[in-house]
C-alpha atoms as a PDB file:
ATOM      1  CA  UNK A   1      73.182 118.691  92.161  1.00  0.00           C
ATOM      2  CA  UNK A   2      75.189 118.673  89.166  1.00  0.00           C
ATOM      3  CA  UNK A   3      76.253 115.193  87.401  1.00  0.00           C
ATOM      4  CA  UNK A   4      79.687 115.989  88.002  1.00  0.00           C
ATOM      5  CA  UNK A   5      79.194 116.325  91.845  1.00  0.00           C
ATOM      6  CA  UNK A   6      77.413 112.989  91.857  1.00  0.00           C
ATOM      7  CA  UNK A   7      80.107 111.266  89.802  1.00  0.00           C
ATOM      8  CA  UNK A   8      83.060 112.908  91.778  1.00  0.00           C
ATOM      9  CA  UNK A   9      83.054 110.246  94.742  1.00  0.00           C
ATOM     10  CA  UNK A  10      83.288 107.301  92.205  1.00  0.00           C
ATOM     11  CA  UNK A  11      86.151 109.014  90.344  1.00  0.00           C
ATOM     12  CA  UNK A  12      87.775 109.350  93.892  1.00  0.00           C
ATOM     13  CA  UNK A  13      87.175 105.731  94.556  1.00  0.00           C
ATOM     14  CA  UNK A  14      88.907 104.697  91.343  1.00  0.00           C
ATOM     15  CA  UNK A  15      91.708 107.085  91.968  1.00  0.00           C
ATOM     16  CA  UNK A  16      92.052 105.378  95.366  1.00  0.00           C
ATOM     17  CA  UNK A  17      92.045 102.091  93.714  1.00  0.00           C
ATOM     18  CA  UNK A  18      94.713 103.156  91.442  1.00  0.00           C
ATOM     19  CA  UNK A  19      96.918 104.643  94.159  1.00  0.00           C
ATOM     20  CA  UNK A  20      99.834 102.242  94.700  1.00  0.00           C
ATOM     21  CA  UNK A  21      98.753  99.804  91.969  1.00  0.00           C
ATOM     22  CA  UNK A  22     101.482  98.028  90.063  1.00  0.00           C
ATOM     23  CA  UNK A  23      99.032  96.888  87.402  1.00  0.00           C
ATOM     24  CA  UNK A  24      95.637  97.473  85.901  1.00  0.00           C
ATOM     25  CA  UNK A  25      94.104  95.179  83.479  1.00  0.00           C
ATOM     26  CA  UNK A  26      91.112  96.085  81.091  1.00  0.00           C
ATOM     27  CA  UNK A  27      88.724  93.378  80.393  1.00  0.00           C
ATOM     28  CA  UNK A  28      85.600  92.723  78.329  1.00  0.00           C
ATOM     29  CA  UNK A  29      83.292  90.638  80.351  1.00  0.00           C
ATOM     30  CA  UNK A  30      80.237  90.773  78.223  1.00  0.00           C
ATOM     31  CA  UNK A  31      78.653  87.323  77.863  1.00  0.00           C
ATOM     32  CA  UNK A  32      79.913  85.822  81.214  1.00  0.00           C
ATOM     33  CA  UNK A  33      77.350  84.156  83.298  1.00  0.00           C
ATOM     34  CA  UNK A  34      76.829  85.121  86.753  1.00  0.00           C
ATOM     35  CA  UNK A  35      78.294  81.834  88.002  1.00  0.00           C
ATOM     36  CA  UNK A  36      81.501  82.435  85.827  1.00  0.00           C
ATOM     37  CA  UNK A  37      81.747  86.086  87.026  1.00  0.00           C
ATOM     38  CA  UNK A  38      81.403  84.884  90.636  1.00  0.00           C
ATOM     39  CA  UNK A  39      84.133  82.381  90.221  1.00  0.00           C
ATOM     40  CA  UNK A  40      86.456  84.714  88.361  1.00  0.00           C
ATOM     41  CA  UNK A  41      86.068  87.464  91.190  1.00  0.00           C
ATOM     42  CA  UNK A  42      86.807  84.939  93.869  1.00  0.00           C
ATOM     43  CA  UNK A  43      90.005  83.716  92.180  1.00  0.00           C
ATOM     44  CA  UNK A  44      91.208  87.350  91.611  1.00  0.00           C
ATOM     45  CA  UNK A  45      90.143  88.124  95.352  1.00  0.00           C
ATOM     46  CA  UNK A  46      92.277  85.423  96.426  1.00  0.00           C
ATOM     47  CA  UNK A  47      95.341  86.685  94.519  1.00  0.00           C
ATOM     48  CA  UNK A  48      94.905  90.108  96.087  1.00  0.00           C
ATOM     49  CA  UNK A  49      93.469  91.478  92.808  1.00  0.00           C
ATOM     50  CA  UNK A  50      90.368  93.991  92.882  1.00  0.00           C
ATOM     51  CA  UNK A  51      87.860  93.684  90.053  1.00  0.00           C
ATOM     52  CA  UNK A  52      85.584  96.375  89.398  1.00  0.00           C
ATOM     53  CA  UNK A  53      83.138  97.570  86.940  1.00  0.00           C
ATOM     54  CA  UNK A  54      82.951 101.287  86.290  1.00  0.00           C
ATOM     55  CA  UNK A  55      81.804 103.621  83.294  1.00  0.00           C
ATOM     56  CA  UNK A  56      84.712 104.054  80.896  1.00  0.00           C
ATOM     57  CA  UNK A  57      84.349 107.780  81.188  1.00  0.00           C
ATOM     58  CA  UNK A  58      84.763 107.598  84.937  1.00  0.00           C
ATOM     59  CA  UNK A  59      87.854 105.235  84.582  1.00  0.00           C
ATOM     60  CA  UNK A  60      89.323 107.653  82.005  1.00  0.00           C
ATOM     61  CA  UNK A  61      88.606 110.642  84.399  1.00  0.00           C
ATOM     62  CA  UNK A  62      90.339 108.884  87.243  1.00  0.00           C
ATOM     63  CA  UNK A  63      93.316 107.764  85.328  1.00  0.00           C
ATOM     64  CA  UNK A  64      94.148 111.238  83.949  1.00  0.00           C
ATOM     65  CA  UNK A  65      97.765 112.118  84.847  1.00  0.00           C
ATOM     66  CA  UNK A  66      98.689 108.589  85.744  1.00  0.00           C
ATOM     67  CA  UNK A  67     100.392 105.654  83.872  1.00  0.00           C
ATOM     68  CA  UNK A  68      96.785 104.156  83.634  1.00  0.00           C
ATOM     69  CA  UNK A  69      95.774 106.830  81.228  1.00  0.00           C
ATOM     70  CA  UNK A  70      97.577 104.736  78.595  1.00  0.00           C
ATOM     71  CA  UNK A  71      94.388 102.492  78.808  1.00  0.00           C
ATOM     72  CA  UNK A  72      92.160 105.290  77.466  1.00  0.00           C
ATOM     73  CA  UNK A  73      92.067 103.871  73.790  1.00  0.00           C
ATOM     74  CA  UNK A  74      90.675 100.475  75.000  1.00  0.00           C
ATOM     75  CA  UNK A  75      88.189 101.925  77.371  1.00  0.00           C
ATOM     76  CA  UNK A  76      85.201 101.367  74.899  1.00  0.00           C
ATOM     77  CA  UNK A  77      82.246  98.901  75.502  1.00  0.00           C
ATOM     78  CA  UNK A  78      81.731  96.860  78.675  1.00  0.00           C
ATOM     79  CA  UNK A  79      84.879  97.097  80.573  1.00  0.00           C
ATOM     80  CA  UNK A  80      86.000  95.741  83.940  1.00  0.00           C
ATOM     81  CA  UNK A  81      89.209  96.622  85.562  1.00  0.00           C
ATOM     82  CA  UNK A  82      91.492  94.281  87.532  1.00  0.00           C
ATOM     83  CA  UNK A  83      93.898  96.190  89.890  1.00  0.00           C
ATOM     84  CA  UNK A  84      96.884  94.539  91.323  1.00  0.00           C
ATOM     85  CA  UNK A  85      98.950  96.142  93.946  1.00  0.00           C
ATOM     86  CA  UNK A  86     101.472  93.587  94.480  1.00  0.00           C
ATOM     87  CA  UNK A  87     102.135  91.362  91.524  1.00  0.00           C
ATOM     88  CA  UNK A  88     101.964  93.095  88.038  1.00  0.00           C
ATOM     89  CA  UNK A  89     101.201  89.814  86.190  1.00  0.00           C
ATOM     90  CA  UNK A  90      98.478  88.406  88.686  1.00  0.00           C
ATOM     91  CA  UNK A  91      95.365  89.665  87.021  1.00  0.00           C
ATOM     92  CA  UNK A  92      96.573  88.809  83.499  1.00  0.00           C
ATOM     93  CA  UNK A  93      97.617  85.420  84.587  1.00  0.00           C
ATOM     94  CA  UNK A  94      94.336  84.482  86.176  1.00  0.00           C
ATOM     95  CA  UNK A  95      92.152  86.147  83.575  1.00  0.00           C
ATOM     96  CA  UNK A  96      93.908  84.430  80.737  1.00  0.00           C
ATOM     97  CA  UNK A  97      93.689  81.093  82.286  1.00  0.00           C
ATOM     98  CA  UNK A  98      90.014  81.790  83.177  1.00  0.00           C
ATOM     99  CA  UNK A  99      89.438  82.706  79.539  1.00  0.00           C
ATOM    100  CA  UNK A 100      90.323  79.232  78.304  1.00  0.00           C
ATOM    101  CA  UNK A 101      87.079  77.902  79.975  1.00  0.00           C
ATOM    102  CA  UNK A 102      85.179  81.109  79.308  1.00  0.00           C
ATOM    103  CA  UNK A 103      85.856  82.211  75.766  1.00  0.00           C
ATOM    104  CA  UNK A 104      83.622  85.348  75.830  1.00  0.00           C
ATOM    105  CA  UNK A 105      86.027  86.828  78.572  1.00  0.00           C
ATOM    106  CA  UNK A 106      88.587  88.937  76.769  1.00  0.00           C
ATOM    107  CA  UNK A 107      91.836  90.721  77.843  1.00  0.00           C
ATOM    108  CA  UNK A 108      91.787  94.196  76.231  1.00  0.00           C
ATOM    109  CA  UNK A 109      94.990  95.574  77.515  1.00  0.00           C
ATOM    110  CA  UNK A 110      96.990  96.292  80.574  1.00  0.00           C
ATOM    111  CA  UNK A 111      99.431  98.790  82.192  1.00  0.00           C
ATOM    112  CA  UNK A 112     101.959  97.066  84.362  1.00  0.00           C
ATOM    113  CA  UNK A 113     104.850  99.021  86.196  1.00  0.00           C
ATOM    114  CA  UNK A 114     104.204 101.807  83.773  1.00  0.00           C
ATOM    115  CA  UNK A 115     104.324  99.968  80.577  1.00  0.00           C
ATOM    116  CA  UNK A 116     101.262  99.580  78.148  1.00  0.00           C
ATOM    117  CA  UNK A 117     100.611  95.955  77.042  1.00  0.00           C
ATOM    118  CA  UNK A 118      98.288  95.344  74.248  1.00  0.00           C
ATOM    119  CA  UNK A 119      95.910  92.470  73.559  1.00  0.00           C
ATOM    120  CA  UNK A 120      98.558  90.270  72.337  1.00  0.00           C
ATOM    121  CA  UNK A 121     101.358  91.458  74.815  1.00  0.00           C
ATOM    122  CA  UNK A 122      99.012  90.796  77.636  1.00  0.00           C
ATOM    123  CA  UNK A 123      99.217  87.070  76.862  1.00  0.00           C
ATOM    124  CA  UNK A 124     102.990  87.248  77.464  1.00  0.00           C
ATOM    125  CA  UNK A 125     102.505  89.037  80.598  1.00  0.00           C
ATOM    126  CA  UNK A 126     100.069  86.514  81.793  1.00  0.00           C
ATOM    127  CA  UNK A 127     102.858  83.793  81.075  1.00  0.00           C
ATOM    128  CA  UNK A 128     105.053  85.169  83.588  1.00  0.00           C
ATOM    129  CA  UNK A 129     105.066  82.899  86.649  1.00  0.00           C
ATOM    130  CA  UNK A 130     104.061  84.233  90.071  1.00  0.00           C
ATOM    131  CA  UNK A 131     106.726  85.312  92.697  1.00  0.00           C
ATOM    132  CA  UNK A 132     105.976  82.094  94.871  1.00  0.00           C
ATOM    133  CA  UNK A 133     106.388  79.796  91.782  1.00  0.00           C
ATOM    134  CA  UNK A 134     109.566  81.729  90.846  1.00  0.00           C
ATOM    135  CA  UNK A 135     110.984  81.159  94.291  1.00  0.00           C
ATOM    136  CA  UNK A 136     110.054  77.519  94.411  1.00  0.00           C
ATOM    137  CA  UNK A 137     111.844  76.956  91.056  1.00  0.00           C
ATOM    138  CA  UNK A 138     114.984  78.834  92.510  1.00  0.00           C
ATOM    139  CA  UNK A 139     114.861  76.586  95.554  1.00  0.00           C
ATOM    140  CA  UNK A 140     114.600  73.513  93.343  1.00  0.00           C
ATOM    141  CA  UNK A 141     117.509  74.580  91.325  1.00  0.00           C
ATOM    142  CA  UNK A 142     119.612  75.313  94.352  1.00  0.00           C
ATOM    143  CA  UNK A 143     118.536  71.962  95.974  1.00  0.00           C
ATOM    144  CA  UNK A 144     119.568  69.748  93.187  1.00  0.00           C
ATOM    145  CA  UNK A 145     123.197  70.313  93.088  1.00  0.00           C
ATOM    146  CA  UNK A 146     123.323  70.119  96.852  1.00  0.00           C
ATOM    147  CA  UNK A 147     121.498  66.928  96.708  1.00  0.00           C
ATOM    148  CA  UNK A 148     123.640  65.319  94.052  1.00  0.00           C
ATOM    149  CA  UNK A 149     126.879  66.548  96.009  1.00  0.00           C
ATOM    150  CA  UNK A 150     125.582  64.817  99.157  1.00  0.00           C
ATOM    151  CA  UNK A 151     124.949  61.546  97.338  1.00  0.00           C
ATOM    152  CA  UNK A 152     128.387  61.636  95.731  1.00  0.00           C
ATOM    153  CA  UNK A 153     130.129  62.325  99.226  1.00  0.00           C
ATOM    154  CA  UNK A 154     127.916  59.518 100.667  1.00  0.00           C
ATOM    155  CA  UNK A 155     129.015  56.991  97.731  1.00  0.00           C
ATOM    156  CA  UNK A 156     132.724  58.047  98.385  1.00  0.00           C
ATOM    157  CA  UNK A 157     132.177  57.437 102.048  1.00  0.00           C
ATOM    158  CA  UNK A 158     130.579  53.868 101.671  1.00  0.00           C
ATOM    159  CA  UNK A 159     133.266  52.997  99.067  1.00  0.00           C
ATOM    160  CA  UNK A 160     135.949  54.088 101.599  1.00  0.00           C
ATOM    161  CA  UNK A 161     134.679  52.169 104.567  1.00  0.00           C
ATOM    162  CA  UNK A 162     135.537  48.580 103.669  1.00  0.00           C
ATOM    163  CA  UNK A 163     139.218  49.655 103.133  1.00  0.00           C
ATOM    164  CA  UNK A 164     139.285  51.241 106.514  1.00  0.00           C
END
């Protein structure tokens, strides 16, 4: 059996992982302890992000012809990929936050919704709040004026009661 035939199922697995993905984040994980890696994987899994380690050449082959081929230049050395099919910023956000406690973890780059983010731009991507957080902020913004309006109406009603 040729090497290509042996590696083809792995390339197909990566292609399937990329299929429907809104973002792929490349990470240098070298130096993480097993415990740190386990915690990171759990956090990513809870956010619906798949985190895998593959050979760079196989990732490049699977990414050919997709937006994720933009990552080719950073696919050197130890690389893990975090793939999100829902929230484009989820992986970057979780990894950037986790890197504060595990400095050896390093974001290399990301492709989110077709755009390449380099090492520095990934930090900006990571700063984007989650959909749930944005919705809760919106609700809070909508609730505040309504609550203030209700208080004013209540005060007007209380002032006009003695006169009645």
